[in-house]
Every structure is written in structure tokens, then in C-alpha cells.
Amino acid sequence: MDSHSRSVAKAVSYRLFGSITTAVLFFYLSGDWKVSAGAGIADSVLKLGLYFLHERVWNHINFGRQKPPEYEI
């Protein structure tokens, strides 16, 4: 299970890439840096929290995880 700080670090790095992509797309469509920066910031803030919650929920789902050995040597 990941620690809370690891989940936060993963969420921040993931959102950084996603928000830059959103900002570049908005700049391409609008040609306005203020609009694109605002969209990137809003995207980052909202989705950062959602991604963190998503990670924490998946820590409680055992799908795809290997079972730990029943004994240790």
C-alpha cells in the first residue's frame, strides 16, 4: 500500500503534465495566455484532488495484486 505522501507526489506529477497539456491546448485554440493559464490552473486544482481520492480508493481494491506469501523464511 502506498503512503499518503507517495500518493500526493504521484498526483502532483501526473497533474503537472496534464495541466501543461490543457494550457497548451487552450492557447492553441484561443491564442490567449491568460485564458490558457487559467484553464491549466483550474484543471490542476480540481483534478489533483480527484486523482488523490482515486489513488486512495484503489489502495483498498485487491484486484490485480499478488497475495503475499503465507510464510517467511
PDB file of N, CA and C in Angstrom:
ATOM      1  N   MET A   1       0.848  -1.180   0.000  1.00  0.00           N
ATOM      2  CA  MET A   1       0.000   0.000   0.000  1.00  0.00           C
ATOM      3  C   MET A   1       0.892   1.242   0.000  1.00  0.00           C
ATOM      4  N   ASP A   2       0.569   2.182  -0.847  1.00  0.00           N
ATOM      5  CA  ASP A   2       1.340   3.424  -0.920  1.00  0.00           C
ATOM      6  C   ASP A   2       1.040   4.317   0.277  1.00  0.00           C
ATOM      7  N   SER A   3       2.042   5.091   0.679  1.00  0.00           N
ATOM      8  CA  SER A   3       1.835   6.067   1.746  1.00  0.00           C
ATOM      9  C   SER A   3       1.064   7.268   1.189  1.00  0.00           C
ATOM     10  N   HIS A   4       0.523   8.074   2.079  1.00  0.00           N
ATOM     11  CA  HIS A   4      -0.199   9.278   1.649  1.00  0.00           C
ATOM     12  C   HIS A   4       0.742  10.221   0.889  1.00  0.00           C
ATOM     13  N   SER A   5       1.971  10.368   1.368  1.00  0.00           N
ATOM     14  CA  SER A   5       2.901  11.286   0.699  1.00  0.00           C
ATOM     15  C   SER A   5       3.264  10.790  -0.697  1.00  0.00           C
ATOM     16  N   ARG A   6       3.385   9.480  -0.874  1.00  0.00           N
ATOM     17  CA  ARG A   6       3.675   8.937  -2.211  1.00  0.00           C
ATOM     18  C   ARG A   6       2.486   9.198  -3.143  1.00  0.00           C
ATOM     19  N   SER A   7       1.271   8.998  -2.645  1.00  0.00           N
ATOM     20  CA  SER A   7       0.081   9.268  -3.458  1.00  0.00           C
ATOM     21  C   SER A   7       0.015  10.737  -3.855  1.00  0.00           C
ATOM     22  N   VAL A   8       0.365  11.619  -2.936  1.00  0.00           N
ATOM     23  CA  VAL A   8       0.366  13.056  -3.244  1.00  0.00           C
ATOM     24  C   VAL A   8       1.421  13.364  -4.306  1.00  0.00           C
ATOM     25  N   ALA A   9       2.625  12.822  -4.158  1.00  0.00           N
ATOM     26  CA  ALA A   9       3.693  13.074  -5.131  1.00  0.00           C
ATOM     27  C   ALA A   9       3.297  12.566  -6.512  1.00  0.00           C
ATOM     28  N   LYS A  10       2.695  11.392  -6.585  1.00  0.00           N
ATOM     29  CA  LYS A  10       2.249  10.852  -7.866  1.00  0.00           C
ATOM     30  C   LYS A  10       1.158  11.728  -8.473  1.00  0.00           C
ATOM     31  N   ALA A  11       0.226  12.179  -7.644  1.00  0.00           N
ATOM     32  CA  ALA A  11      -0.860  13.022  -8.130  1.00  0.00           C
ATOM     33  C   ALA A  11      -0.332  14.347  -8.658  1.00  0.00           C
ATOM     34  N   VAL A  12       0.612  14.951  -7.949  1.00  0.00           N
ATOM     35  CA  VAL A  12       1.166  16.243  -8.374  1.00  0.00           C
ATOM     36  C   VAL A  12       1.904  16.105  -9.703  1.00  0.00           C
ATOM     37  N   SER A  13       2.748  15.089  -9.832  1.00  0.00           N
ATOM     38  CA  SER A  13       3.496  14.934 -11.084  1.00  0.00           C
ATOM     39  C   SER A  13       2.557  14.629 -12.248  1.00  0.00           C
ATOM     40  N   TYR A  14       1.562  13.797 -12.015  1.00  0.00           N
ATOM     41  CA  TYR A  14       0.594  13.472 -13.064  1.00  0.00           C
ATOM     42  C   TYR A  14      -0.181  14.712 -13.488  1.00  0.00           C
ATOM     43  N   ARG A  15      -0.620  15.508 -12.524  1.00  0.00           N
ATOM     44  CA  ARG A  15      -1.400  16.697 -12.842  1.00  0.00           C
ATOM     45  C   ARG A  15      -0.554  17.768 -13.511  1.00  0.00           C
ATOM     46  N   LEU A  16       0.705  17.856 -13.164  1.00  0.00           N
ATOM     47  CA  LEU A  16       1.576  18.825 -13.818  1.00  0.00           C
ATOM     48  C   LEU A  16       1.600  18.585 -15.324  1.00  0.00           C
ATOM     49  N   PHE A  17       1.805  17.339 -15.706  1.00  0.00           N
ATOM     50  CA  PHE A  17       1.810  17.014 -17.133  1.00  0.00           C
ATOM     51  C   PHE A  17       0.449  17.263 -17.768  1.00  0.00           C
ATOM     52  N   GLY A  18      -0.618  16.875 -17.076  1.00  0.00           N
ATOM     53  CA  GLY A  18      -1.966  17.075 -17.608  1.00  0.00           C
ATOM     54  C   GLY A  18      -2.334  18.534 -17.739  1.00  0.00           C
ATOM     55  N   SER A  19      -1.952  19.347 -16.757  1.00  0.00           N
ATOM     56  CA  SER A  19      -2.299  20.768 -16.790  1.00  0.00           C
ATOM     57  C   SER A  19      -1.517  21.522 -17.853  1.00  0.00           C
ATOM     58  N   ILE A  20      -0.276  21.143 -18.048  1.00  0.00           N
ATOM     59  CA  ILE A  20       0.509  21.758 -19.135  1.00  0.00           C
ATOM     60  C   ILE A  20      -0.138  21.437 -20.475  1.00  0.00           C
ATOM     61  N   THR A  21      -0.568  20.200 -20.648  1.00  0.00           N
ATOM     62  CA  THR A  21      -1.246  19.817 -21.887  1.00  0.00           C
ATOM     63  C   THR A  21      -2.522  20.634 -22.086  1.00  0.00           C
ATOM     64  N   THR A  22      -3.300  20.793 -21.027  1.00  0.00           N
ATOM     65  CA  THR A  22      -4.532  21.585 -21.108  1.00  0.00           C
ATOM     66  C   THR A  22      -4.227  23.041 -21.455  1.00  0.00           C
ATOM     67  N   ALA A  23      -3.233  23.617 -20.806  1.00  0.00           N
ATOM     68  CA  ALA A  23      -2.879  25.017 -21.066  1.00  0.00           C
ATOM     69  C   ALA A  23      -2.420  25.211 -22.509  1.00  0.00           C
ATOM     70  N   VAL A  24      -1.602  24.296 -23.017  1.00  0.00           N
ATOM     71  CA  VAL A  24      -1.129  24.399 -24.402  1.00  0.00           C
ATOM     72  C   VAL A  24      -2.299  24.269 -25.372  1.00  0.00           C
ATOM     73  N   LEU A  25      -3.209  23.347 -25.101  1.00  0.00           N
ATOM     74  CA  LEU A  25      -4.385  23.183 -25.958  1.00  0.00           C
ATOM     75  C   LEU A  25      -5.252  24.443 -25.947  1.00  0.00           C
ATOM     76  N   PHE A  26      -5.487  25.011 -24.759  1.00  0.00           N
ATOM     77  CA  PHE A  26      -6.289  26.239 -24.685  1.00  0.00           C
ATOM     78  C   PHE A  26      -5.592  27.392 -25.394  1.00  0.00           C
ATOM     79  N   PHE A  27      -4.273  27.471 -25.290  1.00  0.00           N
ATOM     80  CA  PHE A  27      -3.562  28.528 -26.002  1.00  0.00           C
ATOM     81  C   PHE A  27      -3.686  28.340 -27.507  1.00  0.00           C
ATOM     82  N   TYR A  28      -3.578  27.115 -27.958  1.00  0.00           N
ATOM     83  CA  TYR A  28      -3.714  26.818 -29.387  1.00  0.00           C
ATOM     84  C   TYR A  28      -5.098  27.223 -29.894  1.00  0.00           C
ATOM     85  N   LEU A  29      -6.130  26.955 -29.080  1.00  0.00           N
ATOM     86  CA  LEU A  29      -7.495  27.259 -29.503  1.00  0.00           C
ATOM     87  C   LEU A  29      -7.857  28.731 -29.345  1.00  0.00           C
ATOM     88  N   SER A  30      -7.336  29.384 -28.295  1.00  0.00           N
ATOM     89  CA  SER A  30      -7.755  30.757 -28.018  1.00  0.00           C
ATOM     90  C   SER A  30      -6.711  31.804 -28.390  1.00  0.00           C
ATOM     91  N   GLY A  31      -5.441  31.438 -28.360  1.00  0.00           N
ATOM     92  CA  GLY A  31      -4.377  32.402 -28.614  1.00  0.00           C
ATOM     93  C   GLY A  31      -4.154  33.371 -27.460  1.00  0.00           C
ATOM     94  N   ASP A  32      -4.776  33.103 -26.310  1.00  0.00           N
ATOM     95  CA  ASP A  32      -4.707  33.996 -25.156  1.00  0.00           C
ATOM     96  C   ASP A  32      -4.028  33.275 -23.998  1.00  0.00           C
ATOM     97  N   TRP A  33      -2.869  33.798 -23.568  1.00  0.00           N
ATOM     98  CA  TRP A  33      -2.120  33.168 -22.481  1.00  0.00           C
ATOM     99  C   TRP A  33      -2.870  33.209 -21.156  1.00  0.00           C
ATOM    100  N   LYS A  34      -3.650  34.277 -20.920  1.00  0.00           N
ATOM    101  CA  LYS A  34      -4.395  34.366 -19.663  1.00  0.00           C
ATOM    102  C   LYS A  34      -5.467  33.275 -19.576  1.00  0.00           C
ATOM    103  N   VAL A  35      -6.160  33.074 -20.678  1.00  0.00           N
ATOM    104  CA  VAL A  35      -7.187  32.026 -20.713  1.00  0.00           C
ATOM    105  C   VAL A  35      -6.544  30.661 -20.533  1.00  0.00           C
ATOM    106  N   SER A  36      -5.434  30.429 -21.230  1.00  0.00           N
ATOM    107  CA  SER A  36      -4.790  29.116 -21.146  1.00  0.00           C
ATOM    108  C   SER A  36      -4.198  28.878 -19.752  1.00  0.00           C
ATOM    109  N   ALA A  37      -3.617  29.897 -19.128  1.00  0.00           N
ATOM    110  CA  ALA A  37      -3.078  29.740 -17.774  1.00  0.00           C
ATOM    111  C   ALA A  37      -4.199  29.477 -16.775  1.00  0.00           C
ATOM    112  N   GLY A  38      -5.302  30.192 -16.900  1.00  0.00           N
ATOM    113  CA  GLY A  38      -6.451  29.967 -16.019  1.00  0.00           C
ATOM    114  C   GLY A  38      -7.018  28.567 -16.168  1.00  0.00           C
ATOM    115  N   ALA A  39      -7.119  28.101 -17.394  1.00  0.00           N
ATOM    116  CA  ALA A  39      -7.624  26.748 -17.633  1.00  0.00           C
ATOM    117  C   ALA A  39      -6.668  25.711 -17.060  1.00  0.00           C
ATOM    118  N   GLY A  40      -5.372  25.919 -17.216  1.00  0.00           N
ATOM    119  CA  GLY A  40      -4.382  24.985 -16.687  1.00  0.00           C
ATOM    120  C   GLY A  40      -4.411  24.926 -15.169  1.00  0.00           C
ATOM    121  N   ILE A  41      -4.548  26.087 -14.527  1.00  0.00           N
ATOM    122  CA  ILE A  41      -4.597  26.133 -13.065  1.00  0.00           C
ATOM    123  C   ILE A  41      -5.877  25.484 -12.545  1.00  0.00           C
ATOM    124  N   ALA A  42      -7.006  25.820 -13.129  1.00  0.00           N
ATOM    125  CA  ALA A  42      -8.279  25.230 -12.701  1.00  0.00           C
ATOM    126  C   ALA A  42      -8.260  23.715 -12.893  1.00  0.00           C
ATOM    127  N   ASP A  43      -7.737  23.276 -14.022  1.00  0.00           N
ATOM    128  CA  ASP A  43      -7.624  21.858 -14.318  1.00  0.00           C
ATOM    129  C   ASP A  43      -6.767  21.167 -13.262  1.00  0.00           C
ATOM    130  N   SER A  44      -5.666  21.780 -12.907  1.00  0.00           N
ATOM    131  CA  SER A  44      -4.739  21.201 -11.949  1.00  0.00           C
ATOM    132  C   SER A  44      -5.361  21.069 -10.565  1.00  0.00           C
ATOM    133  N   VAL A  45      -5.974  22.121 -10.087  1.00  0.00           N
ATOM    134  CA  VAL A  45      -6.541  22.125  -8.733  1.00  0.00           C
ATOM    135  C   VAL A  45      -7.655  21.094  -8.600  1.00  0.00           C
ATOM    136  N   LEU A  46      -8.574  21.080  -9.547  1.00  0.00           N
ATOM    137  CA  LEU A  46      -9.708  20.161  -9.464  1.00  0.00           C
ATOM    138  C   LEU A  46      -9.275  18.707  -9.609  1.00  0.00           C
ATOM    139  N   LYS A  47      -8.468  18.428 -10.601  1.00  0.00           N
ATOM    140  CA  LYS A  47      -8.117  17.038 -10.877  1.00  0.00           C
ATOM    141  C   LYS A  47      -7.065  16.488  -9.918  1.00  0.00           C
ATOM    142  N   LEU A  48      -6.296  17.340  -9.283  1.00  0.00           N
ATOM    143  CA  LEU A  48      -5.336  16.875  -8.289  1.00  0.00           C
ATOM    144  C   LEU A  48      -6.061  16.204  -7.126  1.00  0.00           C
ATOM    145  N   GLY A  49      -7.082  16.851  -6.638  1.00  0.00           N
ATOM    146  CA  GLY A  49      -7.868  16.264  -5.555  1.00  0.00           C
ATOM    147  C   GLY A  49      -8.575  14.990  -5.977  1.00  0.00           C
ATOM    148  N   LEU A  50      -9.129  14.970  -7.176  1.00  0.00           N
ATOM    149  CA  LEU A  50      -9.811  13.779  -7.659  1.00  0.00           C
ATOM    150  C   LEU A  50      -8.845  12.613  -7.849  1.00  0.00           C
ATOM    151  N   TYR A  51      -7.653  12.890  -8.348  1.00  0.00           N
ATOM    152  CA  TYR A  51      -6.667  11.826  -8.546  1.00  0.00           C
ATOM    153  C   TYR A  51      -6.211  11.253  -7.210  1.00  0.00           C
ATOM    154  N   PHE A  52      -5.999  12.105  -6.214  1.00  0.00           N
ATOM    155  CA  PHE A  52      -5.608  11.632  -4.894  1.00  0.00           C
ATOM    156  C   PHE A  52      -6.673  10.693  -4.332  1.00  0.00           C
ATOM    157  N   LEU A  53      -7.936  11.088  -4.416  1.00  0.00           N
ATOM    158  CA  LEU A  53      -9.016  10.231  -3.938  1.00  0.00           C
ATOM    159  C   LEU A  53      -9.057   8.909  -4.709  1.00  0.00           C
ATOM    160  N   HIS A  54      -8.851   8.978  -6.010  1.00  0.00           N
ATOM    161  CA  HIS A  54      -8.829   7.791  -6.862  1.00  0.00           C
ATOM    162  C   HIS A  54      -7.734   6.825  -6.410  1.00  0.00           C
ATOM    163  N   GLU A  55      -6.544   7.340  -6.133  1.00  0.00           N
ATOM    164  CA  GLU A  55      -5.437   6.503  -5.666  1.00  0.00           C
ATOM    165  C   GLU A  55      -5.755   5.853  -4.323  1.00  0.00           C
ATOM    166  N   ARG A  56      -6.327   6.608  -3.411  1.00  0.00           N
ATOM    167  CA  ARG A  56      -6.626   6.077  -2.077  1.00  0.00           C
ATOM    168  C   ARG A  56      -7.696   4.985  -2.159  1.00  0.00           C
ATOM    169  N   VAL A  57      -8.694   5.159  -3.015  1.00  0.00           N
ATOM    170  CA  VAL A  57      -9.723   4.131  -3.183  1.00  0.00           C
ATOM    171  C   VAL A  57      -9.095   2.858  -3.742  1.00  0.00           C
ATOM    172  N   TRP A  58      -8.233   2.986  -4.751  1.00  0.00           N
ATOM    173  CA  TRP A  58      -7.609   1.810  -5.356  1.00  0.00           C
ATOM    174  C   TRP A  58      -6.679   1.089  -4.385  1.00  0.00           C
ATOM    175  N   ASN A  59      -6.182   1.750  -3.370  1.00  0.00           N
ATOM    176  CA  ASN A  59      -5.373   1.060  -2.367  1.00  0.00           C
ATOM    177  C   ASN A  59      -6.196   0.047  -1.573  1.00  0.00           C
ATOM    178  N   HIS A  60      -7.509   0.157  -1.597  1.00  0.00           N
ATOM    179  CA  HIS A  60      -8.384  -0.759  -0.872  1.00  0.00           C
ATOM    180  C   HIS A  60      -8.978  -1.836  -1.780  1.00  0.00           C
ATOM    181  N   ILE A  61      -8.617  -1.832  -3.047  1.00  0.00           N
ATOM    182  CA  ILE A  61      -9.114  -2.815  -4.008  1.00  0.00           C
ATOM    183  C   ILE A  61      -7.990  -3.796  -4.300  1.00  0.00           C
ATOM    184  N   ASN A  62      -8.263  -5.068  -4.121  1.00  0.00           N
ATOM    185  CA  ASN A  62      -7.227  -6.084  -4.286  1.00  0.00           C
ATOM    186  C   ASN A  62      -7.089  -6.602  -5.711  1.00  0.00           C
ATOM    187  N   PHE A  63      -7.917  -6.156  -6.625  1.00  0.00           N
ATOM    188  CA  PHE A  63      -7.868  -6.616  -7.998  1.00  0.00           C
ATOM    189  C   PHE A  63      -6.466  -6.442  -8.592  1.00  0.00           C
ATOM    190  N   GLY A  64      -5.904  -7.536  -9.115  1.00  0.00           N
ATOM    191  CA  GLY A  64      -4.613  -7.482  -9.782  1.00  0.00           C
ATOM    192  C   GLY A  64      -3.402  -7.538  -8.869  1.00  0.00           C
ATOM    193  N   ARG A  65      -3.598  -7.592  -7.579  1.00  0.00           N
ATOM    194  CA  ARG A  65      -2.478  -7.672  -6.638  1.00  0.00           C
ATOM    195  C   ARG A  65      -2.126  -9.124  -6.375  1.00  0.00           C
ATOM    196  N   GLN A  66      -0.852  -9.377  -6.205  1.00  0.00           N
ATOM    197  CA  GLN A  66      -0.425 -10.707  -5.822  1.00  0.00           C
ATOM    198  C   GLN A  66      -0.569 -10.859  -4.317  1.00  0.00           C
ATOM    199  N   LYS A  67      -0.942 -12.050  -3.900  1.00  0.00           N
ATOM    200  CA  LYS A  67      -1.071 -12.313  -2.470  1.00  0.00           C
ATOM    201  C   LYS A  67       0.319 -12.447  -1.872  1.00  0.00           C
ATOM    202  N   PRO A  68       0.529 -11.908  -0.679  1.00  0.00           N
ATOM    203  CA  PRO A  68       1.827 -12.090  -0.016  1.00  0.00           C
ATOM    204  C   PRO A  68       1.992 -13.564   0.359  1.00  0.00           C
ATOM    205  N   PRO A  69       3.224 -14.038   0.441  1.00  0.00           N
ATOM    206  CA  PRO A  69       3.423 -15.434   0.824  1.00  0.00           C
ATOM    207  C   PRO A  69       2.869 -15.704   2.227  1.00  0.00           C
ATOM    208  N   GLU A  70       2.392 -16.921   2.426  1.00  0.00           N
ATOM    209  CA  GLU A  70       1.818 -17.274   3.728  1.00  0.00           C
ATOM    210  C   GLU A  70       2.868 -17.564   4.773  1.00  0.00           C
ATOM    211  N   TYR A  71       4.124 -17.608   4.370  1.00  0.00           N
ATOM    212  CA  TYR A  71       5.193 -17.885   5.308  1.00  0.00           C
ATOM    213  C   TYR A  71       6.432 -17.098   4.922  1.00  0.00           C
ATOM    214  N   GLU A  72       7.322 -16.899   5.844  1.00  0.00           N
ATOM    215  CA  GLU A  72       8.604 -16.250   5.583  1.00  0.00           C
ATOM    216  C   GLU A  72       9.727 -17.179   6.020  1.00  0.00           C
ATOM    217  N   ILE A  73      10.778 -17.141   5.278  1.00  0.00           N
ATOM    218  CA  ILE A  73      11.948 -17.962   5.625  1.00  0.00           C
ATOM    219  C   ILE A  73      12.907 -17.132   6.443  1.00  0.00           C
TER     220      ILE A  73
END
